[in-house]
Amino acid sequence: MYWTLELATKLEDAPWPATKDELIDYAMRSGAPAEVVENLQDIEDEGEVYESMEDIWPDYPTKEDFFFDDEEY
């Protein structure tokens, strides 16, 4: 399983919180690339409910990671 920003953004509008099956269903209905569905299927399912993309990909960059301190400039 591998995630990239491009693949992860396909789940931004997913109905969070969601189960693995709900995320797979959303990915297929929204026309996400096959890699997204494959990554979701590779998740070990223990009946968990995922609150956000960070629960699936802990290293998922947040918006704060991309903002610089505007006051410095």
N, C-alpha and C. Protein backbone atom coordinates (compact mmCIF):
# COMPACT_ATOMS: atom_id res chain seq x y z
N MET A 1 0.86 -1.17 0.00
CA MET A 1 0.00 0.00 0.00
C MET A 1 0.90 1.23 0.00
N TYR A 2 0.60 2.16 -0.87
CA TYR A 2 1.32 3.41 -0.91
C TYR A 2 0.34 4.55 -1.14
N TRP A 3 0.62 5.68 -0.55
CA TRP A 3 -0.22 6.86 -0.73
C TRP A 3 0.63 7.99 -1.27
N THR A 4 0.04 8.77 -2.15
CA THR A 4 0.65 10.01 -2.61
C THR A 4 -0.36 11.11 -2.34
N LEU A 5 0.07 12.34 -2.42
CA LEU A 5 -0.87 13.44 -2.23
C LEU A 5 -1.99 13.39 -3.24
N GLU A 6 -1.63 13.05 -4.48
CA GLU A 6 -2.65 13.00 -5.54
C GLU A 6 -3.72 11.95 -5.23
N LEU A 7 -3.29 10.78 -4.76
CA LEU A 7 -4.25 9.73 -4.42
C LEU A 7 -5.06 10.10 -3.19
N ALA A 8 -4.41 10.65 -2.19
CA ALA A 8 -5.10 10.99 -0.94
C ALA A 8 -6.15 12.08 -1.15
N THR A 9 -5.90 13.01 -2.08
CA THR A 9 -6.86 14.09 -2.30
C THR A 9 -8.18 13.57 -2.87
N LYS A 10 -8.17 12.39 -3.44
CA LYS A 10 -9.40 11.80 -3.98
C LYS A 10 -10.39 11.46 -2.87
N LEU A 11 -9.91 11.42 -1.63
CA LEU A 11 -10.78 11.09 -0.50
C LEU A 11 -11.11 12.31 0.36
N GLU A 12 -10.69 13.50 -0.06
CA GLU A 12 -10.95 14.70 0.74
C GLU A 12 -12.43 14.92 1.02
N ASP A 13 -13.27 14.65 0.05
CA ASP A 13 -14.71 14.89 0.20
C ASP A 13 -15.48 13.65 0.64
N ALA A 14 -14.75 12.64 1.08
CA ALA A 14 -15.41 11.40 1.54
C ALA A 14 -16.28 11.71 2.76
N PRO A 15 -17.28 10.89 3.00
CA PRO A 15 -18.19 11.12 4.13
C PRO A 15 -17.57 10.71 5.46
N TRP A 16 -16.63 11.51 5.94
CA TRP A 16 -15.96 11.22 7.21
C TRP A 16 -16.91 11.45 8.37
N PRO A 17 -16.89 10.73 9.43
CA PRO A 17 -16.19 9.46 9.65
C PRO A 17 -16.80 8.34 8.81
N ALA A 18 -15.96 7.37 8.48
CA ALA A 18 -16.41 6.29 7.60
C ALA A 18 -15.66 5.00 7.90
N THR A 19 -16.30 3.90 7.57
CA THR A 19 -15.65 2.59 7.69
C THR A 19 -14.87 2.32 6.41
N LYS A 20 -14.10 1.27 6.44
CA LYS A 20 -13.33 0.87 5.27
C LYS A 20 -14.26 0.62 4.08
N ASP A 21 -15.35 -0.11 4.29
CA ASP A 21 -16.27 -0.42 3.21
C ASP A 21 -16.93 0.84 2.64
N GLU A 22 -17.27 1.78 3.52
CA GLU A 22 -17.87 3.04 3.05
C GLU A 22 -16.88 3.84 2.21
N LEU A 23 -15.62 3.82 2.61
CA LEU A 23 -14.60 4.55 1.84
C LEU A 23 -14.36 3.90 0.48
N ILE A 24 -14.35 2.58 0.44
CA ILE A 24 -14.19 1.88 -0.84
C ILE A 24 -15.37 2.19 -1.74
N ASP A 25 -16.58 2.15 -1.20
CA ASP A 25 -17.77 2.47 -1.97
C ASP A 25 -17.71 3.90 -2.50
N TYR A 26 -17.31 4.84 -1.65
CA TYR A 26 -17.20 6.24 -2.08
C TYR A 26 -16.16 6.38 -3.20
N ALA A 27 -15.00 5.73 -3.03
CA ALA A 27 -13.94 5.83 -4.03
C ALA A 27 -14.41 5.29 -5.38
N MET A 28 -15.12 4.20 -5.38
CA MET A 28 -15.60 3.61 -6.64
C MET A 28 -16.67 4.50 -7.27
N ARG A 29 -17.60 5.02 -6.47
CA ARG A 29 -18.67 5.86 -7.00
C ARG A 29 -18.16 7.21 -7.51
N SER A 30 -17.09 7.71 -6.89
CA SER A 30 -16.59 9.03 -7.28
C SER A 30 -15.59 8.96 -8.43
N GLY A 31 -15.27 7.75 -8.88
CA GLY A 31 -14.36 7.61 -10.02
C GLY A 31 -12.90 7.78 -9.65
N ALA A 32 -12.56 7.48 -8.41
CA ALA A 32 -11.17 7.58 -7.98
C ALA A 32 -10.33 6.55 -8.73
N PRO A 33 -9.04 6.81 -8.90
CA PRO A 33 -8.17 5.84 -9.57
C PRO A 33 -8.18 4.49 -8.87
N ALA A 34 -7.89 3.46 -9.61
CA ALA A 34 -7.88 2.10 -9.07
C ALA A 34 -6.91 1.96 -7.90
N GLU A 35 -5.83 2.74 -7.91
CA GLU A 35 -4.85 2.67 -6.82
C GLU A 35 -5.47 3.05 -5.48
N VAL A 36 -6.40 4.01 -5.49
CA VAL A 36 -7.07 4.42 -4.25
C VAL A 36 -7.88 3.26 -3.70
N VAL A 37 -8.65 2.61 -4.55
CA VAL A 37 -9.47 1.48 -4.12
C VAL A 37 -8.57 0.35 -3.62
N GLU A 38 -7.48 0.08 -4.34
CA GLU A 38 -6.55 -0.97 -3.92
C GLU A 38 -5.93 -0.66 -2.57
N ASN A 39 -5.53 0.59 -2.36
CA ASN A 39 -4.96 0.98 -1.07
C ASN A 39 -5.97 0.79 0.06
N LEU A 40 -7.20 1.16 -0.18
CA LEU A 40 -8.24 1.00 0.83
C LEU A 40 -8.49 -0.48 1.12
N GLN A 41 -8.47 -1.30 0.07
CA GLN A 41 -8.70 -2.73 0.27
C GLN A 41 -7.56 -3.38 1.05
N ASP A 42 -6.35 -2.80 0.98
CA ASP A 42 -5.19 -3.35 1.69
C ASP A 42 -5.19 -3.03 3.18
N ILE A 43 -6.07 -2.14 3.61
CA ILE A 43 -6.13 -1.79 5.03
C ILE A 43 -6.65 -3.00 5.81
N GLU A 44 -5.95 -3.32 6.89
CA GLU A 44 -6.43 -4.41 7.75
C GLU A 44 -7.68 -3.92 8.46
N ASP A 45 -8.79 -4.57 8.19
CA ASP A 45 -10.07 -4.10 8.71
C ASP A 45 -10.40 -4.77 10.03
N GLU A 46 -10.51 -3.96 11.04
CA GLU A 46 -10.91 -4.45 12.35
C GLU A 46 -12.20 -3.77 12.77
N GLY A 47 -12.99 -3.34 11.79
CA GLY A 47 -14.25 -2.69 12.07
C GLY A 47 -14.09 -1.25 12.54
N GLU A 48 -12.94 -0.68 12.27
CA GLU A 48 -12.67 0.68 12.73
C GLU A 48 -13.46 1.70 11.92
N VAL A 49 -13.71 2.83 12.57
CA VAL A 49 -14.29 3.97 11.89
C VAL A 49 -13.19 5.01 11.80
N TYR A 50 -12.91 5.46 10.58
CA TYR A 50 -11.85 6.42 10.33
C TYR A 50 -12.44 7.82 10.34
N GLU A 51 -11.80 8.71 11.11
CA GLU A 51 -12.28 10.08 11.27
C GLU A 51 -11.80 10.99 10.15
N SER A 52 -10.63 10.69 9.58
CA SER A 52 -10.07 11.53 8.53
C SER A 52 -8.97 10.76 7.81
N MET A 53 -8.41 11.39 6.80
CA MET A 53 -7.33 10.76 6.04
C MET A 53 -6.12 10.48 6.93
N GLU A 54 -5.92 11.27 7.96
CA GLU A 54 -4.79 11.07 8.86
C GLU A 54 -4.86 9.72 9.58
N ASP A 55 -6.07 9.19 9.76
CA ASP A 55 -6.21 7.87 10.39
C ASP A 55 -5.75 6.75 9.46
N ILE A 56 -5.84 6.99 8.18
CA ILE A 56 -5.44 5.98 7.19
C ILE A 56 -3.97 6.13 6.84
N TRP A 57 -3.54 7.37 6.63
CA TRP A 57 -2.16 7.68 6.27
C TRP A 57 -1.64 8.67 7.30
N PRO A 58 -0.98 8.18 8.37
CA PRO A 58 -0.54 9.06 9.46
C PRO A 58 0.38 10.20 9.02
N ASP A 59 1.10 10.02 7.93
CA ASP A 59 2.01 11.07 7.44
C ASP A 59 1.34 12.04 6.48
N TYR A 60 0.03 11.98 6.36
CA TYR A 60 -0.69 12.86 5.44
C TYR A 60 -0.42 14.31 5.81
N PRO A 61 0.11 15.09 4.87
CA PRO A 61 0.41 16.49 5.18
C PRO A 61 -0.88 17.30 5.34
N THR A 62 -0.90 18.12 6.35
CA THR A 62 -2.05 18.98 6.58
C THR A 62 -1.80 20.34 5.93
N LYS A 63 -2.80 21.17 5.89
CA LYS A 63 -2.66 22.48 5.27
C LYS A 63 -1.60 23.32 5.99
N GLU A 64 -1.45 23.11 7.29
CA GLU A 64 -0.45 23.86 8.04
C GLU A 64 0.97 23.55 7.55
N ASP A 65 1.17 22.36 6.98
CA ASP A 65 2.49 21.99 6.48
C ASP A 65 2.91 22.82 5.28
N PHE A 66 1.97 23.47 4.62
CA PHE A 66 2.29 24.19 3.40
C PHE A 66 2.30 25.70 3.57
N PHE A 67 1.89 26.20 4.71
CA PHE A 67 1.85 27.65 4.91
C PHE A 67 3.12 28.13 5.60
N PHE A 68 3.61 29.24 5.08
CA PHE A 68 4.75 29.88 5.70
C PHE A 68 4.23 30.98 6.60
N ASP A 69 5.06 31.48 7.44
CA ASP A 69 4.69 32.58 8.31
C ASP A 69 4.62 33.84 7.46
N ASP A 70 3.42 34.28 7.12
CA ASP A 70 3.23 35.42 6.24
C ASP A 70 3.78 36.71 6.84
N GLU A 71 3.87 36.76 8.16
CA GLU A 71 4.35 37.98 8.80
C GLU A 71 5.83 38.21 8.58
N GLU A 72 6.55 37.16 8.24
CA GLU A 72 7.98 37.30 7.99
C GLU A 72 8.27 38.05 6.70
N TYR A 73 7.32 38.07 5.80
CA TYR A 73 7.58 38.66 4.49
C TYR A 73 6.87 39.94 4.36
